[in-house]
Amino acid sequence: MYDWTQDKAVRVLTRLASEGLQTDQIVDDIISHVDDFRYEAQMPTFYFLSGLTGNKKVASKVASLLQR
């Protein structure tokens, strides 16, 4: 079963990260676990992470996933 609350949690975390609150820690945590997310949660996660413009970790992870 798909847990739609995961989307909401990631949205809140990325919003906090975009405001400069523990940005590196939040990005590291999300990126280290995103491979375990269901597909339905991965797509919104990448959308929310895309709002963190200029973050090299996010850009690298998204690029590596697109090459699969």
N, C-alpha and C. Protein backbone atom coordinates (compact mmCIF):
# COMPACT_ATOMS: atom_id res chain seq x y z
N MET A 1 0.83 -1.18 0.00
CA MET A 1 0.00 0.00 0.00
C MET A 1 0.88 1.25 0.00
N TYR A 2 0.50 2.22 -0.76
CA TYR A 2 1.23 3.48 -0.89
C TYR A 2 0.89 4.40 0.28
N ASP A 3 1.92 4.92 0.89
CA ASP A 3 1.76 5.80 2.05
C ASP A 3 1.88 7.26 1.59
N TRP A 4 0.76 7.89 1.31
CA TRP A 4 0.77 9.26 0.77
C TRP A 4 1.27 10.28 1.78
N THR A 5 1.33 9.92 3.06
CA THR A 5 1.85 10.87 4.05
C THR A 5 3.34 11.11 3.86
N GLN A 6 4.02 10.19 3.19
CA GLN A 6 5.44 10.37 2.91
C GLN A 6 5.65 11.62 2.06
N ASP A 7 4.77 11.84 1.09
CA ASP A 7 4.87 13.05 0.25
C ASP A 7 4.79 14.31 1.10
N LYS A 8 3.87 14.32 2.03
CA LYS A 8 3.70 15.51 2.87
C LYS A 8 4.92 15.75 3.74
N ALA A 9 5.49 14.69 4.27
CA ALA A 9 6.68 14.83 5.11
C ALA A 9 7.85 15.37 4.30
N VAL A 10 8.05 14.83 3.11
CA VAL A 10 9.15 15.30 2.25
C VAL A 10 8.92 16.75 1.86
N ARG A 11 7.68 17.10 1.59
CA ARG A 11 7.37 18.49 1.22
C ARG A 11 7.73 19.44 2.35
N VAL A 12 7.38 19.09 3.57
CA VAL A 12 7.70 19.94 4.73
C VAL A 12 9.22 20.03 4.91
N LEU A 13 9.90 18.89 4.81
CA LEU A 13 11.35 18.89 4.99
C LEU A 13 12.06 19.72 3.93
N THR A 14 11.63 19.59 2.68
CA THR A 14 12.29 20.37 1.63
C THR A 14 11.97 21.86 1.77
N ARG A 15 10.81 22.18 2.28
CA ARG A 15 10.49 23.58 2.53
C ARG A 15 11.41 24.16 3.61
N LEU A 16 11.62 23.39 4.67
CA LEU A 16 12.53 23.82 5.73
C LEU A 16 13.95 23.97 5.19
N ALA A 17 14.36 23.01 4.36
CA ALA A 17 15.71 23.06 3.76
C ALA A 17 15.86 24.28 2.87
N SER A 18 14.81 24.63 2.14
CA SER A 18 14.90 25.79 1.25
C SER A 18 15.00 27.10 2.03
N GLU A 19 14.56 27.06 3.28
CA GLU A 19 14.67 28.24 4.14
C GLU A 19 15.98 28.26 4.93
N GLY A 20 16.84 27.27 4.64
CA GLY A 20 18.17 27.26 5.25
C GLY A 20 18.26 26.51 6.57
N LEU A 21 17.22 25.81 6.93
CA LEU A 21 17.21 25.08 8.20
C LEU A 21 17.73 23.66 7.98
N GLN A 22 18.94 23.40 8.42
CA GLN A 22 19.58 22.09 8.32
C GLN A 22 19.51 21.53 6.89
N THR A 23 19.77 22.37 5.93
CA THR A 23 19.65 21.99 4.52
C THR A 23 20.47 20.75 4.19
N ASP A 24 21.76 20.75 4.55
CA ASP A 24 22.62 19.61 4.20
C ASP A 24 22.13 18.32 4.84
N GLN A 25 21.72 18.38 6.09
CA GLN A 25 21.25 17.18 6.79
C GLN A 25 19.96 16.65 6.15
N ILE A 26 19.04 17.53 5.84
CA ILE A 26 17.78 17.12 5.23
C ILE A 26 18.02 16.49 3.86
N VAL A 27 18.82 17.14 3.05
CA VAL A 27 19.12 16.62 1.71
C VAL A 27 19.82 15.26 1.83
N ASP A 28 20.80 15.15 2.70
CA ASP A 28 21.50 13.87 2.88
C ASP A 28 20.54 12.76 3.30
N ASP A 29 19.66 13.07 4.23
CA ASP A 29 18.72 12.06 4.71
C ASP A 29 17.75 11.61 3.62
N ILE A 30 17.21 12.57 2.90
CA ILE A 30 16.26 12.21 1.83
C ILE A 30 16.96 11.41 0.74
N ILE A 31 18.12 11.89 0.30
CA ILE A 31 18.84 11.21 -0.78
C ILE A 31 19.27 9.80 -0.36
N SER A 32 19.65 9.64 0.89
CA SER A 32 20.11 8.32 1.32
C SER A 32 18.97 7.31 1.40
N HIS A 33 17.72 7.78 1.46
CA HIS A 33 16.59 6.87 1.59
C HIS A 33 15.67 6.83 0.37
N VAL A 34 15.85 7.72 -0.58
CA VAL A 34 14.91 7.83 -1.70
C VAL A 34 14.84 6.55 -2.54
N ASP A 35 15.92 5.81 -2.61
CA ASP A 35 15.89 4.56 -3.38
C ASP A 35 14.94 3.52 -2.77
N ASP A 36 14.66 3.67 -1.48
CA ASP A 36 13.75 2.74 -0.80
C ASP A 36 12.29 3.18 -0.90
N PHE A 37 12.05 4.40 -1.38
CA PHE A 37 10.68 4.90 -1.53
C PHE A 37 9.99 4.16 -2.67
N ARG A 38 8.71 4.03 -2.56
CA ARG A 38 7.94 3.52 -3.70
C ARG A 38 7.97 4.55 -4.82
N TYR A 39 7.76 4.08 -6.03
CA TYR A 39 7.78 4.96 -7.19
C TYR A 39 6.84 6.15 -7.01
N GLU A 40 5.66 5.88 -6.46
CA GLU A 40 4.67 6.95 -6.28
C GLU A 40 5.15 8.03 -5.33
N ALA A 41 6.08 7.70 -4.46
CA ALA A 41 6.64 8.69 -3.54
C ALA A 41 7.92 9.31 -4.11
N GLN A 42 8.60 8.60 -4.98
CA GLN A 42 9.84 9.14 -5.54
C GLN A 42 9.59 10.34 -6.43
N MET A 43 8.60 10.26 -7.28
CA MET A 43 8.35 11.35 -8.22
C MET A 43 8.06 12.67 -7.50
N PRO A 44 7.14 12.71 -6.53
CA PRO A 44 6.94 13.96 -5.81
C PRO A 44 8.19 14.39 -5.03
N THR A 45 8.95 13.42 -4.53
CA THR A 45 10.17 13.75 -3.80
C THR A 45 11.14 14.50 -4.70
N PHE A 46 11.32 14.02 -5.92
CA PHE A 46 12.22 14.71 -6.85
C PHE A 46 11.68 16.09 -7.22
N TYR A 47 10.38 16.20 -7.31
CA TYR A 47 9.78 17.50 -7.58
C TYR A 47 10.09 18.47 -6.45
N PHE A 48 9.89 18.05 -5.22
CA PHE A 48 10.15 18.92 -4.07
C PHE A 48 11.64 19.23 -3.95
N LEU A 49 12.49 18.24 -4.19
CA LEU A 49 13.93 18.48 -4.14
C LEU A 49 14.37 19.45 -5.23
N SER A 50 13.68 19.46 -6.35
CA SER A 50 14.06 20.36 -7.43
C SER A 50 13.93 21.83 -7.04
N GLY A 51 13.16 22.08 -6.00
CA GLY A 51 13.04 23.45 -5.50
C GLY A 51 14.29 23.93 -4.78
N LEU A 52 15.19 23.02 -4.47
CA LEU A 52 16.44 23.37 -3.81
C LEU A 52 17.49 23.66 -4.88
N THR A 53 17.27 24.70 -5.62
CA THR A 53 18.16 25.03 -6.75
C THR A 53 19.56 25.32 -6.25
N GLY A 54 20.51 24.87 -7.04
CA GLY A 54 21.91 25.11 -6.72
C GLY A 54 22.51 24.08 -5.77
N ASN A 55 21.72 23.11 -5.32
CA ASN A 55 22.26 22.10 -4.42
C ASN A 55 22.87 20.98 -5.27
N LYS A 56 24.19 20.83 -5.19
CA LYS A 56 24.90 19.88 -6.04
C LYS A 56 24.55 18.43 -5.72
N LYS A 57 24.25 18.13 -4.47
CA LYS A 57 23.89 16.76 -4.10
C LYS A 57 22.59 16.35 -4.77
N VAL A 58 21.63 17.25 -4.77
CA VAL A 58 20.34 16.97 -5.40
C VAL A 58 20.53 16.79 -6.90
N ALA A 59 21.26 17.68 -7.53
CA ALA A 59 21.48 17.60 -8.97
C ALA A 59 22.18 16.30 -9.35
N SER A 60 23.15 15.89 -8.56
CA SER A 60 23.89 14.66 -8.83
C SER A 60 22.98 13.43 -8.70
N LYS A 61 22.16 13.40 -7.66
CA LYS A 61 21.28 12.26 -7.45
C LYS A 61 20.24 12.16 -8.56
N VAL A 62 19.64 13.26 -8.91
CA VAL A 62 18.64 13.25 -9.97
C VAL A 62 19.27 12.83 -11.29
N ALA A 63 20.45 13.32 -11.59
CA ALA A 63 21.14 12.95 -12.82
C ALA A 63 21.43 11.46 -12.85
N SER A 64 21.87 10.90 -11.73
CA SER A 64 22.18 9.47 -11.70
C SER A 64 20.93 8.63 -11.87
N LEU A 65 19.82 9.08 -11.35
CA LEU A 65 18.57 8.33 -11.49
C LEU A 65 18.03 8.41 -12.91
N LEU A 66 18.23 9.52 -13.56
CA LEU A 66 17.76 9.67 -14.94
C LEU A 66 18.57 8.81 -15.91
N GLN A 67 19.76 8.44 -15.53
CA GLN A 67 20.60 7.63 -16.41
C GLN A 67 20.26 6.14 -16.33
N ARG A 68 19.42 5.76 -15.42
CA ARG A 68 19.05 4.33 -15.27
C ARG A 68 18.28 3.84 -16.45
